[in-house]
N, C-alpha and C. Protein backbone atom coordinates (compact mmCIF):
# COMPACT_ATOMS: atom_id res chain seq x y z
N MET A 1 2.04 -27.49 23.61
CA MET A 1 3.04 -26.45 23.45
C MET A 1 3.30 -25.73 24.78
N TRP A 2 2.21 -25.33 25.47
CA TRP A 2 2.39 -24.67 26.76
C TRP A 2 3.03 -25.60 27.77
N LYS A 3 2.66 -26.86 27.64
CA LYS A 3 3.23 -27.85 28.56
C LYS A 3 4.76 -27.91 28.41
N GLN A 4 5.22 -27.90 27.16
CA GLN A 4 6.65 -27.94 26.89
C GLN A 4 7.33 -26.66 27.40
N PHE A 5 6.67 -25.55 27.21
CA PHE A 5 7.23 -24.28 27.66
C PHE A 5 7.37 -24.26 29.19
N ILE A 6 6.32 -24.71 29.86
CA ILE A 6 6.34 -24.77 31.33
C ILE A 6 7.43 -25.73 31.81
N GLU A 7 7.54 -26.87 31.14
CA GLU A 7 8.56 -27.84 31.51
C GLU A 7 9.96 -27.27 31.30
N LEU A 8 10.19 -26.59 30.21
CA LEU A 8 11.48 -25.95 29.95
C LEU A 8 11.76 -24.87 31.00
N PHE A 9 10.75 -24.10 31.36
CA PHE A 9 10.90 -23.07 32.38
C PHE A 9 11.28 -23.70 33.73
N ARG A 10 10.66 -24.81 34.07
CA ARG A 10 10.99 -25.52 35.31
C ARG A 10 12.44 -26.01 35.28
N GLN A 11 12.85 -26.53 34.14
CA GLN A 11 14.23 -27.00 34.00
C GLN A 11 15.22 -25.85 34.17
N VAL A 12 14.89 -24.70 33.58
CA VAL A 12 15.76 -23.53 33.71
C VAL A 12 15.86 -23.12 35.17
N LEU A 13 14.72 -23.08 35.86
CA LEU A 13 14.73 -22.73 37.28
C LEU A 13 15.55 -23.74 38.10
N THR A 14 15.36 -25.02 37.80
CA THR A 14 16.09 -26.06 38.51
C THR A 14 17.59 -25.93 38.25
N LEU A 15 17.95 -25.71 36.99
CA LEU A 15 19.36 -25.56 36.65
C LEU A 15 19.95 -24.31 37.29
N THR A 16 19.17 -23.26 37.37
CA THR A 16 19.63 -22.02 38.01
C THR A 16 19.91 -22.27 39.49
N GLU A 17 19.00 -22.94 40.16
CA GLU A 17 19.19 -23.28 41.57
C GLU A 17 20.41 -24.18 41.76
N ASP A 18 20.52 -25.18 40.89
CA ASP A 18 21.67 -26.08 40.98
C ASP A 18 22.99 -25.31 40.78
N THR A 19 22.98 -24.40 39.84
CA THR A 19 24.18 -23.60 39.56
C THR A 19 24.54 -22.75 40.78
N LYS A 20 23.57 -22.13 41.40
CA LYS A 20 23.82 -21.33 42.60
C LYS A 20 24.40 -22.21 43.71
N GLN A 21 23.81 -23.37 43.89
CA GLN A 21 24.28 -24.28 44.93
C GLN A 21 25.70 -24.75 44.61
N ASN A 22 25.96 -25.08 43.35
CA ASN A 22 27.30 -25.52 42.96
C ASN A 22 28.33 -24.41 43.18
N ARG A 23 27.99 -23.18 42.87
CA ARG A 23 28.90 -22.06 43.10
C ARG A 23 29.22 -21.90 44.58
N ALA A 24 28.20 -22.04 45.41
CA ALA A 24 28.41 -21.92 46.85
C ALA A 24 29.31 -23.07 47.35
N GLU A 25 29.06 -24.27 46.85
CA GLU A 25 29.88 -25.41 47.26
C GLU A 25 31.31 -25.26 46.77
N ILE A 26 31.49 -24.77 45.55
CA ILE A 26 32.83 -24.54 45.00
C ILE A 26 33.56 -23.50 45.84
N LYS A 27 32.87 -22.45 46.23
CA LYS A 27 33.48 -21.42 47.06
C LYS A 27 33.93 -22.01 48.39
N GLU A 28 33.10 -22.82 49.01
CA GLU A 28 33.44 -23.46 50.27
C GLU A 28 34.61 -24.43 50.09
N LEU A 29 34.60 -25.20 49.01
CA LEU A 29 35.70 -26.13 48.76
C LEU A 29 37.02 -25.39 48.53
N ARG A 30 36.97 -24.27 47.83
CA ARG A 30 38.18 -23.47 47.63
C ARG A 30 38.72 -22.97 48.96
N LYS A 31 37.81 -22.55 49.83
CA LYS A 31 38.24 -22.09 51.16
C LYS A 31 38.89 -23.24 51.93
N GLN A 32 38.28 -24.41 51.87
CA GLN A 32 38.85 -25.56 52.55
C GLN A 32 40.22 -25.93 51.99
N ILE A 33 40.36 -25.84 50.67
CA ILE A 33 41.65 -26.14 50.04
C ILE A 33 42.69 -25.12 50.47
N ASP A 34 42.31 -23.85 50.52
CA ASP A 34 43.24 -22.81 50.99
C ASP A 34 43.66 -23.07 52.43
N ASP A 35 42.69 -23.43 53.27
CA ASP A 35 43.01 -23.73 54.68
C ASP A 35 43.93 -24.95 54.77
N LEU A 36 43.64 -25.96 53.97
CA LEU A 36 44.45 -27.17 53.97
C LEU A 36 45.87 -26.87 53.48
N ALA A 37 45.98 -26.06 52.44
CA ALA A 37 47.31 -25.69 51.92
C ALA A 37 48.10 -24.93 52.98
N ALA A 38 47.44 -24.03 53.69
CA ALA A 38 48.11 -23.29 54.76
C ALA A 38 48.55 -24.24 55.87
N THR A 39 47.74 -25.20 56.20
CA THR A 39 48.08 -26.17 57.24
C THR A 39 49.27 -27.03 56.81
N VAL A 40 49.26 -27.47 55.55
CA VAL A 40 50.37 -28.27 55.03
C VAL A 40 51.66 -27.45 55.03
N GLN A 41 51.56 -26.18 54.65
CA GLN A 41 52.73 -25.32 54.65
C GLN A 41 53.28 -25.14 56.07
N GLN A 42 52.40 -24.94 57.02
CA GLN A 42 52.81 -24.80 58.42
C GLN A 42 53.45 -26.09 58.92
N LEU A 43 52.86 -27.22 58.55
CA LEU A 43 53.40 -28.51 58.96
C LEU A 43 54.79 -28.72 58.36
N ALA A 44 54.98 -28.38 57.10
CA ALA A 44 56.29 -28.50 56.46
C ALA A 44 57.32 -27.63 57.17
N TYR A 45 56.92 -26.42 57.53
CA TYR A 45 57.81 -25.52 58.26
C TYR A 45 58.21 -26.14 59.60
N GLU A 46 57.23 -26.68 60.33
CA GLU A 46 57.50 -27.27 61.64
C GLU A 46 58.41 -28.48 61.51
N ILE A 47 58.18 -29.31 60.50
CA ILE A 47 59.03 -30.49 60.30
C ILE A 47 60.46 -30.05 60.01
N HIS A 48 60.61 -29.04 59.19
CA HIS A 48 61.94 -28.52 58.87
C HIS A 48 62.62 -27.97 60.13
N ARG A 49 61.86 -27.24 60.91
CA ARG A 49 62.39 -26.65 62.15
C ARG A 49 62.81 -27.73 63.14
N VAL A 50 61.98 -28.76 63.28
CA VAL A 50 62.31 -29.86 64.19
C VAL A 50 63.56 -30.59 63.68
N GLY A 51 63.66 -30.77 62.36
CA GLY A 51 64.84 -31.42 61.79
C GLY A 51 66.10 -30.64 62.08
N GLU A 52 66.03 -29.33 61.95
CA GLU A 52 67.19 -28.50 62.26
C GLU A 52 67.54 -28.58 63.74
N ARG A 53 66.53 -28.54 64.58
CA ARG A 53 66.77 -28.63 66.03
C ARG A 53 67.41 -29.97 66.38
N GLU A 54 66.92 -31.04 65.77
CA GLU A 54 67.50 -32.37 66.02
C GLU A 54 68.96 -32.40 65.57
N MET A 55 69.27 -31.80 64.43
CA MET A 55 70.63 -31.77 63.94
C MET A 55 71.53 -31.03 64.94
N HIS A 56 71.06 -29.90 65.44
CA HIS A 56 71.85 -29.14 66.41
C HIS A 56 72.03 -29.92 67.71
N GLU A 57 70.99 -30.62 68.12
CA GLU A 57 71.07 -31.42 69.34
C GLU A 57 72.09 -32.55 69.17
N ARG A 58 72.11 -33.19 67.99
CA ARG A 58 73.10 -34.25 67.73
C ARG A 58 74.52 -33.67 67.76
N GLU A 59 74.68 -32.50 67.14
CA GLU A 59 76.00 -31.86 67.14
C GLU A 59 76.45 -31.57 68.57
N LYS A 60 75.55 -31.01 69.38
CA LYS A 60 75.90 -30.70 70.77
C LYS A 60 76.25 -31.98 71.53
N PHE A 61 75.49 -33.03 71.30
CA PHE A 61 75.75 -34.31 71.96
C PHE A 61 77.13 -34.84 71.57
N MET A 62 77.43 -34.81 70.29
CA MET A 62 78.72 -35.31 69.83
C MET A 62 79.86 -34.48 70.42
N LEU A 63 79.68 -33.17 70.52
CA LEU A 63 80.70 -32.33 71.13
C LEU A 63 80.89 -32.66 72.61
N ARG A 64 79.79 -32.94 73.31
CA ARG A 64 79.88 -33.32 74.72
C ARG A 64 80.62 -34.65 74.88
N VAL A 65 80.30 -35.60 73.99
CA VAL A 65 80.99 -36.90 74.04
C VAL A 65 82.47 -36.71 73.78
N GLU A 66 82.79 -35.93 72.75
CA GLU A 66 84.20 -35.67 72.44
C GLU A 66 84.91 -34.99 73.61
N ASN A 67 84.23 -34.05 74.21
CA ASN A 67 84.77 -33.34 75.38
C ASN A 67 85.07 -34.32 76.52
N GLN A 68 84.14 -35.20 76.79
CA GLN A 68 84.33 -36.19 77.86
C GLN A 68 85.48 -37.13 77.54
N LEU A 69 85.59 -37.53 76.27
CA LEU A 69 86.71 -38.40 75.88
C LEU A 69 88.04 -37.69 76.07
N LEU A 70 88.11 -36.44 75.70
CA LEU A 70 89.34 -35.68 75.87
C LEU A 70 89.69 -35.53 77.35
N LYS A 71 88.68 -35.26 78.17
CA LYS A 71 88.92 -35.16 79.62
C LYS A 71 89.40 -36.49 80.19
N ALA A 72 88.78 -37.57 79.73
CA ALA A 72 89.17 -38.89 80.23
C ALA A 72 90.59 -39.22 79.82
N LYS A 73 90.98 -38.84 78.61
CA LYS A 73 92.35 -39.10 78.15
C LYS A 73 93.37 -38.38 79.02
N ARG A 74 93.07 -37.16 79.41
CA ARG A 74 93.98 -36.38 80.24
C ARG A 74 94.12 -36.97 81.63
N GLN A 75 93.10 -37.65 82.10
CA GLN A 75 93.12 -38.19 83.46
C GLN A 75 93.83 -39.54 83.53
N LEU A 76 93.98 -40.21 82.39
CA LEU A 76 94.63 -41.52 82.41
C LEU A 76 96.15 -41.35 82.59
N PRO A 77 96.75 -42.20 83.35
CA PRO A 77 98.21 -42.12 83.46
C PRO A 77 98.86 -42.57 82.16
N SER A 78 99.95 -42.00 81.83
CA SER A 78 100.63 -42.37 80.59
C SER A 78 101.27 -43.74 80.75
N ALA A 79 101.57 -44.40 79.67
CA ALA A 79 102.16 -45.73 79.70
C ALA A 79 103.57 -45.71 80.26
N SER A 80 104.29 -44.58 80.12
CA SER A 80 105.67 -44.50 80.61
C SER A 80 105.72 -44.33 82.13
N ASP A 81 104.63 -43.98 82.78
CA ASP A 81 104.61 -43.78 84.23
C ASP A 81 104.73 -45.09 84.99
N GLU A 82 104.44 -46.20 84.37
CA GLU A 82 104.46 -47.49 85.06
C GLU A 82 105.82 -47.94 85.19
């Protein structure tokens, strides 16, 4: 009988220690998940920002090309001049 009681007491102590360790690990994992979520959010923001910058750069490039074409057209002699 005492043997069973002692064994049960050991199991309770072991389970208590395991529970404490699991709580600490869960707390650490939650912190890591929060950090990871913040990193993913920052990365999404940066990707969006880069995409917008690329779009603006393409627009500026197209405007420059259009500008050069218009300048080139003005410099060409007209067909009636020949």
